[in-house]
Amino acid sequence: MNDLFTWAALGTIAGASAATLLATNVIGGLIGPSGDKLRKWIAIVIALLLSYLTAAFADEVGGEKWIIAFFNALVIFSAALGVSQFPPGNRQATPTQLASGREPKIFRSWV
């Protein structure tokens, strides 16, 4: 049981991202289809909580750790939801898209 999640693992970007993704999907699944639009907000709240909890237990005394915790929360959120991946139009085509002739372009505008 100690190999799954530990306090030390939750203090890392990988552990916090995995916990954020897991908790977001479980909470969103419990809410049901109406919770799909809430998932990104659930994820940012969980990422902020984990980041600020980690900062609270940090040995550093300086007040800058709270500012850094905010940016760490953004990194956790981005990693958990895959925000740093290519936009949907640039991702590899699925078999369904290929069969229907909707293969995405190699380069497409992000906006």
Protein backbone atom coordinates (compact mmCIF):
# COMPACT_ATOMS: atom_id res chain seq x y z
CA MET A 1 0.00 0.00 0.00
CA ASN A 2 2.94 2.34 0.56
CA ASP A 3 3.86 2.06 -3.12
CA LEU A 4 0.76 3.82 -4.41
CA PHE A 5 0.63 7.39 -3.11
CA THR A 6 2.78 8.78 -0.34
CA TRP A 7 3.09 12.30 1.04
CA ALA A 8 6.50 12.57 -0.60
CA ALA A 9 5.07 11.49 -3.98
CA LEU A 10 2.25 14.03 -3.75
CA GLY A 11 4.89 16.72 -3.29
CA THR A 12 6.31 16.05 -6.75
CA ILE A 13 4.96 17.33 -10.04
CA ALA A 14 4.37 13.80 -11.33
CA GLY A 15 2.58 12.67 -8.17
CA ALA A 16 0.49 15.80 -7.87
CA SER A 17 -0.44 15.66 -11.55
CA ALA A 18 -1.48 12.01 -11.27
CA ALA A 19 -3.51 12.74 -8.13
CA THR A 20 -5.16 15.73 -9.81
CA LEU A 21 -6.08 13.72 -12.89
CA LEU A 22 -7.39 10.82 -10.81
CA ALA A 23 -9.43 12.95 -8.42
CA THR A 24 -10.85 15.08 -11.24
CA ASN A 25 -12.00 12.04 -13.20
CA VAL A 26 -13.51 10.33 -10.16
CA ILE A 27 -15.36 13.46 -9.00
CA GLY A 28 -16.50 14.22 -12.56
CA GLY A 29 -17.66 10.62 -12.96
CA LEU A 30 -19.64 10.82 -9.74
CA ILE A 31 -21.33 14.04 -10.86
CA GLY A 32 -22.21 12.47 -14.21
CA PRO A 33 -22.41 13.93 -17.71
CA SER A 34 -23.47 17.30 -16.36
CA GLY A 35 -20.08 17.50 -14.59
CA ASP A 36 -18.05 17.33 -17.80
CA LYS A 37 -17.92 21.12 -18.09
CA LEU A 38 -16.84 21.38 -14.45
CA ARG A 39 -13.82 19.07 -14.79
CA LYS A 40 -11.35 21.83 -15.64
CA TRP A 41 -12.47 23.85 -12.60
CA ILE A 42 -12.31 20.80 -10.35
CA ALA A 43 -8.80 20.14 -11.66
CA ILE A 44 -7.54 23.68 -11.01
CA VAL A 45 -8.96 23.64 -7.47
CA ILE A 46 -7.29 20.31 -6.70
CA ALA A 47 -4.00 21.49 -8.24
CA LEU A 48 -4.10 24.67 -6.15
CA LEU A 49 -4.87 22.71 -2.97
CA LEU A 50 -2.02 20.27 -3.52
CA SER A 51 0.43 23.01 -4.42
CA TYR A 52 -0.43 25.20 -1.43
CA LEU A 53 -0.38 22.21 0.93
CA THR A 54 3.09 21.36 -0.32
CA ALA A 55 4.17 24.99 0.20
CA ALA A 56 2.70 24.98 3.72
CA PHE A 57 4.87 22.02 4.71
CA ALA A 58 7.99 23.36 3.00
CA ASP A 59 10.89 24.27 5.26
CA GLU A 60 11.53 27.53 3.46
CA VAL A 61 10.48 30.57 5.47
CA GLY A 62 10.25 33.16 2.68
CA GLY A 63 6.95 34.50 1.46
CA GLU A 64 7.90 33.87 -2.15
CA LYS A 65 7.01 30.21 -1.71
CA TRP A 66 3.32 31.19 -1.97
CA ILE A 67 3.90 32.85 -5.33
CA ILE A 68 5.88 29.85 -6.55
CA ALA A 69 3.09 27.56 -5.28
CA PHE A 70 0.63 29.33 -7.58
CA PHE A 71 2.82 28.72 -10.63
CA ASN A 72 3.44 25.13 -9.54
CA ALA A 73 -0.34 24.67 -9.44
CA LEU A 74 -0.53 25.83 -13.04
CA VAL A 75 2.14 23.30 -14.01
CA ILE A 76 0.26 20.53 -12.16
CA PHE A 77 -3.00 21.53 -13.86
CA SER A 78 -1.35 21.64 -17.28
CA ALA A 79 0.30 18.27 -16.84
CA ALA A 80 -2.85 16.62 -15.48
CA LEU A 81 -5.11 17.79 -18.29
CA GLY A 82 -2.58 17.61 -21.12
CA VAL A 83 -2.82 21.33 -21.84
CA SER A 84 0.73 21.29 -23.17
CA GLN A 85 -0.15 18.79 -25.93
CA PHE A 86 -0.94 19.82 -29.47
CA PRO A 87 -4.39 21.32 -29.97
CA PRO A 88 -7.02 18.76 -31.02
CA GLY A 89 -6.75 19.71 -34.69
CA ASN A 90 -3.06 18.81 -34.78
CA ARG A 91 -3.26 15.45 -33.01
CA GLN A 92 -2.85 12.19 -34.85
CA ALA A 93 -5.98 11.12 -36.70
CA THR A 94 -8.07 8.38 -35.14
CA PRO A 95 -9.29 5.46 -37.29
CA THR A 96 -12.79 6.96 -37.23
CA GLN A 97 -11.49 10.28 -38.58
CA LEU A 98 -9.54 8.52 -41.31
CA ALA A 99 -12.57 6.45 -42.35
CA SER A 100 -14.73 9.55 -42.62
CA GLY A 101 -12.11 11.54 -44.51
CA ARG A 102 -11.59 14.08 -41.70
CA GLU A 103 -7.84 13.65 -41.35
CA PRO A 104 -6.39 16.64 -39.45
CA LYS A 105 -3.91 18.97 -41.14
CA ILE A 106 -0.27 18.89 -40.10
CA PHE A 107 -0.26 22.52 -39.05
CA ARG A 108 -3.33 24.44 -37.90
CA SER A 109 -3.81 27.67 -36.05
CA TRP A 110 -4.06 27.37 -32.24
CA VAL A 111 -6.53 30.24 -32.06
